[in-house]
Amino acid sequence: MNNLQRLLPDDISDETAAVIDNILGEIAETWKWRYFAKIQQFHEDNRPEPVDPFEPLPPWGH
């Protein structure tokens, strides 16, 4: 939401607009961290098993 002037009515007070802007910012921050945590958990759940770099790879296609 880059342009709150399009979202809010023209006759709204500056204080009310500032409160709404702060609330929207807090909501956006909360959602950002919520989804960041979900993405991080997904990557941890789907992390491949560690391999020994000195062990030969299995033959492919067999």
PDB file of N, CA and C in Angstrom:
ATOM      1  N   MET A   1       0.835  -1.173   0.000  1.00  0.00           N
ATOM      2  CA  MET A   1       0.000   0.000   0.000  1.00  0.00           C
ATOM      3  C   MET A   1       0.872   1.226   0.000  1.00  0.00           C
ATOM      4  N   ASN A   2       1.234   1.645  -1.138  1.00  0.00           N
ATOM      5  CA  ASN A   2       2.115   2.791  -1.236  1.00  0.00           C
ATOM      6  C   ASN A   2       1.358   4.109  -1.201  1.00  0.00           C
ATOM      7  N   ASN A   3       0.072   4.107  -1.510  1.00  0.00           N
ATOM      8  CA  ASN A   3      -0.665   5.352  -1.597  1.00  0.00           C
ATOM      9  C   ASN A   3      -1.919   5.272  -0.734  1.00  0.00           C
ATOM     10  N   LEU A   4      -1.798   5.697   0.522  1.00  0.00           N
ATOM     11  CA  LEU A   4      -2.952   5.661   1.422  1.00  0.00           C
ATOM     12  C   LEU A   4      -4.007   6.687   1.046  1.00  0.00           C
ATOM     13  N   GLN A   5      -3.638   7.717   0.293  1.00  0.00           N
ATOM     14  CA  GLN A   5      -4.608   8.731  -0.096  1.00  0.00           C
ATOM     15  C   GLN A   5      -5.719   8.133  -0.947  1.00  0.00           C
ATOM     16  N   ARG A   6      -5.404   7.104  -1.713  1.00  0.00           N
ATOM     17  CA  ARG A   6      -6.437   6.452  -2.524  1.00  0.00           C
ATOM     18  C   ARG A   6      -7.309   5.548  -1.665  1.00  0.00           C
ATOM     19  N   LEU A   7      -6.794   5.070  -0.539  1.00  0.00           N
ATOM     20  CA  LEU A   7      -7.532   4.160   0.329  1.00  0.00           C
ATOM     21  C   LEU A   7      -8.455   4.906   1.290  1.00  0.00           C
ATOM     22  N   LEU A   8      -8.000   6.027   1.799  1.00  0.00           N
ATOM     23  CA  LEU A   8      -8.731   6.755   2.833  1.00  0.00           C
ATOM     24  C   LEU A   8      -9.547   7.894   2.229  1.00  0.00           C
ATOM     25  N   PRO A   9     -10.661   8.262   2.884  1.00  0.00           N
ATOM     26  CA  PRO A   9     -11.452   9.399   2.396  1.00  0.00           C
ATOM     27  C   PRO A   9     -10.694  10.718   2.564  1.00  0.00           C
ATOM     28  N   ASP A  10     -11.088  11.718   1.794  1.00  0.00           N
ATOM     29  CA  ASP A  10     -10.396  13.014   1.809  1.00  0.00           C
ATOM     30  C   ASP A  10     -10.542  13.757   3.135  1.00  0.00           C
ATOM     31  N   ASP A  11     -11.667  13.577   3.824  1.00  0.00           N
ATOM     32  CA  ASP A  11     -11.918  14.371   5.029  1.00  0.00           C
ATOM     33  C   ASP A  11     -11.434  13.703   6.316  1.00  0.00           C
ATOM     34  N   ILE A  12     -10.575  12.716   6.229  1.00  0.00           N
ATOM     35  CA  ILE A  12     -10.066  12.027   7.415  1.00  0.00           C
ATOM     36  C   ILE A  12      -8.955  12.877   8.051  1.00  0.00           C
ATOM     37  N   SER A  13      -8.874  12.844   9.381  1.00  0.00           N
ATOM     38  CA  SER A  13      -7.849  13.646  10.056  1.00  0.00           C
ATOM     39  C   SER A  13      -6.471  13.008   9.881  1.00  0.00           C
ATOM     40  N   ASP A  14      -5.448  13.825  10.021  1.00  0.00           N
ATOM     41  CA  ASP A  14      -4.076  13.326   9.904  1.00  0.00           C
ATOM     42  C   ASP A  14      -3.770  12.294  10.987  1.00  0.00           C
ATOM     43  N   GLU A  15      -4.304  12.522  12.198  1.00  0.00           N
ATOM     44  CA  GLU A  15      -4.061  11.586  13.290  1.00  0.00           C
ATOM     45  C   GLU A  15      -4.679  10.217  12.987  1.00  0.00           C
ATOM     46  N   THR A  16      -5.896  10.222  12.472  1.00  0.00           N
ATOM     47  CA  THR A  16      -6.561   8.961  12.131  1.00  0.00           C
ATOM     48  C   THR A  16      -5.817   8.258  11.009  1.00  0.00           C
ATOM     49  N   ALA A  17      -5.389   9.014  10.019  1.00  0.00           N
ATOM     50  CA  ALA A  17      -4.631   8.420   8.912  1.00  0.00           C
ATOM     51  C   ALA A  17      -3.324   7.818   9.417  1.00  0.00           C
ATOM     52  N   ALA A  18      -2.668   8.498  10.359  1.00  0.00           N
ATOM     53  CA  ALA A  18      -1.409   7.982  10.906  1.00  0.00           C
ATOM     54  C   ALA A  18      -1.644   6.691  11.683  1.00  0.00           C
ATOM     55  N   VAL A  19      -2.737   6.627  12.448  1.00  0.00           N
ATOM     56  CA  VAL A  19      -3.056   5.410  13.201  1.00  0.00           C
ATOM     57  C   VAL A  19      -3.331   4.259  12.239  1.00  0.00           C
ATOM     58  N   ILE A  20      -4.116   4.511  11.200  1.00  0.00           N
ATOM     59  CA  ILE A  20      -4.416   3.469  10.214  1.00  0.00           C
ATOM     60  C   ILE A  20      -3.136   3.014   9.528  1.00  0.00           C
ATOM     61  N   ASP A  21      -2.271   3.952   9.190  1.00  0.00           N
ATOM     62  CA  ASP A  21      -0.993   3.612   8.555  1.00  0.00           C
ATOM     63  C   ASP A  21      -0.147   2.738   9.481  1.00  0.00           C
ATOM     64  N   ASN A  22      -0.093   3.079  10.759  1.00  0.00           N
ATOM     65  CA  ASN A  22       0.673   2.273  11.726  1.00  0.00           C
ATOM     66  C   ASN A  22       0.091   0.874  11.871  1.00  0.00           C
ATOM     67  N   ILE A  23      -1.236   0.786  11.925  1.00  0.00           N
ATOM     68  CA  ILE A  23      -1.878  -0.530  12.052  1.00  0.00           C
ATOM     69  C   ILE A  23      -1.579  -1.382  10.826  1.00  0.00           C
ATOM     70  N   LEU A  24      -1.698  -0.800   9.637  1.00  0.00           N
ATOM     71  CA  LEU A  24      -1.404  -1.552   8.414  1.00  0.00           C
ATOM     72  C   LEU A  24       0.057  -1.990   8.380  1.00  0.00           C
ATOM     73  N   GLY A  25       0.951  -1.137   8.851  1.00  0.00           N
ATOM     74  CA  GLY A  25       2.365  -1.506   8.908  1.00  0.00           C
ATOM     75  C   GLY A  25       2.617  -2.656   9.864  1.00  0.00           C
ATOM     76  N   GLU A  26       1.949  -2.637  11.022  1.00  0.00           N
ATOM     77  CA  GLU A  26       2.107  -3.732  11.983  1.00  0.00           C
ATOM     78  C   GLU A  26       1.539  -5.036  11.438  1.00  0.00           C
ATOM     79  N   ILE A  27       0.407  -4.957  10.752  1.00  0.00           N
ATOM     80  CA  ILE A  27      -0.178  -6.163  10.145  1.00  0.00           C
ATOM     81  C   ILE A  27       0.764  -6.730   9.095  1.00  0.00           C
ATOM     82  N   ALA A  28       1.305  -5.866   8.251  1.00  0.00           N
ATOM     83  CA  ALA A  28       2.231  -6.331   7.211  1.00  0.00           C
ATOM     84  C   ALA A  28       3.464  -6.976   7.831  1.00  0.00           C
ATOM     85  N   GLU A  29       3.990  -6.392   8.892  1.00  0.00           N
ATOM     86  CA  GLU A  29       5.174  -6.947   9.559  1.00  0.00           C
ATOM     87  C   GLU A  29       4.856  -8.308  10.180  1.00  0.00           C
ATOM     88  N   THR A  30       3.688  -8.420  10.796  1.00  0.00           N
ATOM     89  CA  THR A  30       3.282  -9.695  11.394  1.00  0.00           C
ATOM     90  C   THR A  30       3.160 -10.775  10.332  1.00  0.00           C
ATOM     91  N   TRP A  31       2.518 -10.483   9.217  1.00  0.00           N
ATOM     92  CA  TRP A  31       2.369 -11.462   8.139  1.00  0.00           C
ATOM     93  C   TRP A  31       3.716 -11.836   7.553  1.00  0.00           C
ATOM     94  N   LYS A  32       4.591 -10.836   7.419  1.00  0.00           N
ATOM     95  CA  LYS A  32       5.915 -11.120   6.857  1.00  0.00           C
ATOM     96  C   LYS A  32       6.641 -12.145   7.716  1.00  0.00           C
ATOM     97  N   TRP A  33       6.661 -11.949   9.028  1.00  0.00           N
ATOM     98  CA  TRP A  33       7.371 -12.879   9.905  1.00  0.00           C
ATOM     99  C   TRP A  33       6.677 -14.217   9.981  1.00  0.00           C
ATOM    100  N   ARG A  34       5.348 -14.223   9.884  1.00  0.00           N
ATOM    101  CA  ARG A  34       4.621 -15.493   9.912  1.00  0.00           C
ATOM    102  C   ARG A  34       5.000 -16.340   8.697  1.00  0.00           C
ATOM    103  N   TYR A  35       4.992 -15.741   7.527  1.00  0.00           N
ATOM    104  CA  TYR A  35       5.316 -16.507   6.329  1.00  0.00           C
ATOM    105  C   TYR A  35       6.804 -16.798   6.226  1.00  0.00           C
ATOM    106  N   PHE A  36       7.645 -15.920   6.740  1.00  0.00           N
ATOM    107  CA  PHE A  36       9.076 -16.207   6.791  1.00  0.00           C
ATOM    108  C   PHE A  36       9.320 -17.453   7.625  1.00  0.00           C
ATOM    109  N   ALA A  37       8.634 -17.552   8.762  1.00  0.00           N
ATOM    110  CA  ALA A  37       8.793 -18.729   9.624  1.00  0.00           C
ATOM    111  C   ALA A  37       8.302 -19.987   8.923  1.00  0.00           C
ATOM    112  N   LYS A  38       7.190 -19.878   8.173  1.00  0.00           N
ATOM    113  CA  LYS A  38       6.676 -21.046   7.449  1.00  0.00           C
ATOM    114  C   LYS A  38       7.636 -21.482   6.349  1.00  0.00           C
ATOM    115  N   ILE A  39       8.191 -20.530   5.626  1.00  0.00           N
ATOM    116  CA  ILE A  39       9.151 -20.864   4.568  1.00  0.00           C
ATOM    117  C   ILE A  39      10.396 -21.493   5.174  1.00  0.00           C
ATOM    118  N   GLN A  40      10.872 -20.930   6.270  1.00  0.00           N
ATOM    119  CA  GLN A  40      12.048 -21.480   6.940  1.00  0.00           C
ATOM    120  C   GLN A  40      11.776 -22.906   7.419  1.00  0.00           C
ATOM    121  N   GLN A  41      10.597 -23.150   7.987  1.00  0.00           N
ATOM    122  CA  GLN A  41      10.247 -24.493   8.448  1.00  0.00           C
ATOM    123  C   GLN A  41      10.153 -25.459   7.273  1.00  0.00           C
ATOM    124  N   PHE A  42       9.602 -25.015   6.149  1.00  0.00           N
ATOM    125  CA  PHE A  42       9.520 -25.863   4.959  1.00  0.00           C
ATOM    126  C   PHE A  42      10.914 -26.286   4.510  1.00  0.00           C
ATOM    127  N   HIS A  43      11.839 -25.335   4.472  1.00  0.00           N
ATOM    128  CA  HIS A  43      13.200 -25.661   4.045  1.00  0.00           C
ATOM    129  C   HIS A  43      13.876 -26.618   5.027  1.00  0.00           C
ATOM    130  N   GLU A  44      13.624 -26.436   6.311  1.00  0.00           N
ATOM    131  CA  GLU A  44      14.206 -27.348   7.298  1.00  0.00           C
ATOM    132  C   GLU A  44      13.607 -28.745   7.172  1.00  0.00           C
ATOM    133  N   ASP A  45      12.305 -28.825   6.918  1.00  0.00           N
ATOM    134  CA  ASP A  45      11.643 -30.125   6.777  1.00  0.00           C
ATOM    135  C   ASP A  45      12.077 -30.856   5.512  1.00  0.00           C
ATOM    136  N   ASN A  46      12.470 -30.119   4.486  1.00  0.00           N
ATOM    137  CA  ASN A  46      12.805 -30.721   3.194  1.00  0.00           C
ATOM    138  C   ASN A  46      14.292 -30.657   2.875  1.00  0.00           C
ATOM    139  N   ARG A  47      15.091 -30.431   3.892  1.00  0.00           N
ATOM    140  CA  ARG A  47      16.539 -30.379   3.697  1.00  0.00           C
ATOM    141  C   ARG A  47      17.040 -31.778   3.362  1.00  0.00           C
ATOM    142  N   PRO A  48      17.876 -31.914   2.337  1.00  0.00           N
ATOM    143  CA  PRO A  48      18.391 -33.246   2.007  1.00  0.00           C
ATOM    144  C   PRO A  48      19.303 -33.770   3.111  1.00  0.00           C
ATOM    145  N   GLU A  49      19.409 -35.075   3.158  1.00  0.00           N
ATOM    146  CA  GLU A  49      20.276 -35.708   4.146  1.00  0.00           C
ATOM    147  C   GLU A  49      21.729 -35.326   3.870  1.00  0.00           C
ATOM    148  N   PRO A  50      22.499 -35.068   4.911  1.00  0.00           N
ATOM    149  CA  PRO A  50      23.912 -34.747   4.682  1.00  0.00           C
ATOM    150  C   PRO A  50      24.645 -35.951   4.096  1.00  0.00           C
ATOM    151  N   VAL A  51      25.586 -35.671   3.233  1.00  0.00           N
ATOM    152  CA  VAL A  51      26.369 -36.742   2.610  1.00  0.00           C
ATOM    153  C   VAL A  51      27.842 -36.535   2.919  1.00  0.00           C
ATOM    154  N   ASP A  52      28.580 -37.623   2.890  1.00  0.00           N
ATOM    155  CA  ASP A  52      30.023 -37.566   3.078  1.00  0.00           C
ATOM    156  C   ASP A  52      30.644 -37.185   1.739  1.00  0.00           C
ATOM    157  N   PRO A  53      31.342 -36.057   1.660  1.00  0.00           N
ATOM    158  CA  PRO A  53      31.889 -35.630   0.367  1.00  0.00           C
ATOM    159  C   PRO A  53      32.970 -36.562  -0.162  1.00  0.00           C
ATOM    160  N   PHE A  54      33.505 -37.432   0.683  1.00  0.00           N
ATOM    161  CA  PHE A  54      34.572 -38.331   0.242  1.00  0.00           C
ATOM    162  C   PHE A  54      34.049 -39.710  -0.158  1.00  0.00           C
ATOM    163  N   GLU A  55      32.754 -39.928   0.049  1.00  0.00           N
ATOM    164  CA  GLU A  55      32.166 -41.212  -0.344  1.00  0.00           C
ATOM    165  C   GLU A  55      31.754 -41.131  -1.815  1.00  0.00           C
ATOM    166  N   PRO A  56      32.045 -42.156  -2.608  1.00  0.00           N
ATOM    167  CA  PRO A  56      31.679 -42.086  -4.030  1.00  0.00           C
ATOM    168  C   PRO A  56      30.159 -42.050  -4.203  1.00  0.00           C
ATOM    169  N   LEU A  57      29.735 -41.381  -5.251  1.00  0.00           N
ATOM    170  CA  LEU A  57      28.313 -41.296  -5.551  1.00  0.00           C
ATOM    171  C   LEU A  57      27.814 -42.633  -6.079  1.00  0.00           C
ATOM    172  N   PRO A  58      26.543 -42.941  -5.845  1.00  0.00           N
ATOM    173  CA  PRO A  58      26.000 -44.181  -6.404  1.00  0.00           C
ATOM    174  C   PRO A  58      25.897 -44.060  -7.926  1.00  0.00           C
ATOM    175  N   PRO A  59      25.922 -45.179  -8.630  1.00  0.00           N
ATOM    176  CA  PRO A  59      25.783 -45.099 -10.086  1.00  0.00           C
ATOM    177  C   PRO A  59      24.387 -44.602 -10.459  1.00  0.00           C
ATOM    178  N   TRP A  60      24.319 -43.681 -11.387  1.00  0.00           N
ATOM    179  CA  TRP A  60      23.043 -43.095 -11.792  1.00  0.00           C
ATOM    180  C   TRP A  60      22.390 -43.982 -12.838  1.00  0.00           C
ATOM    181  N   GLY A  61      21.085 -44.091 -12.763  1.00  0.00           N
ATOM    182  CA  GLY A  61      20.322 -44.824 -13.755  1.00  0.00           C
ATOM    183  C   GLY A  61      20.255 -46.310 -13.507  1.00  0.00           C
ATOM    184  N   HIS A  62      20.704 -46.799 -12.381  1.00  0.00           N
ATOM    185  CA  HIS A  62      20.649 -48.241 -12.095  1.00  0.00           C
ATOM    186  C   HIS A  62      19.665 -48.524 -11.012  1.00  0.00           C
TER     187      HIS A  62
END
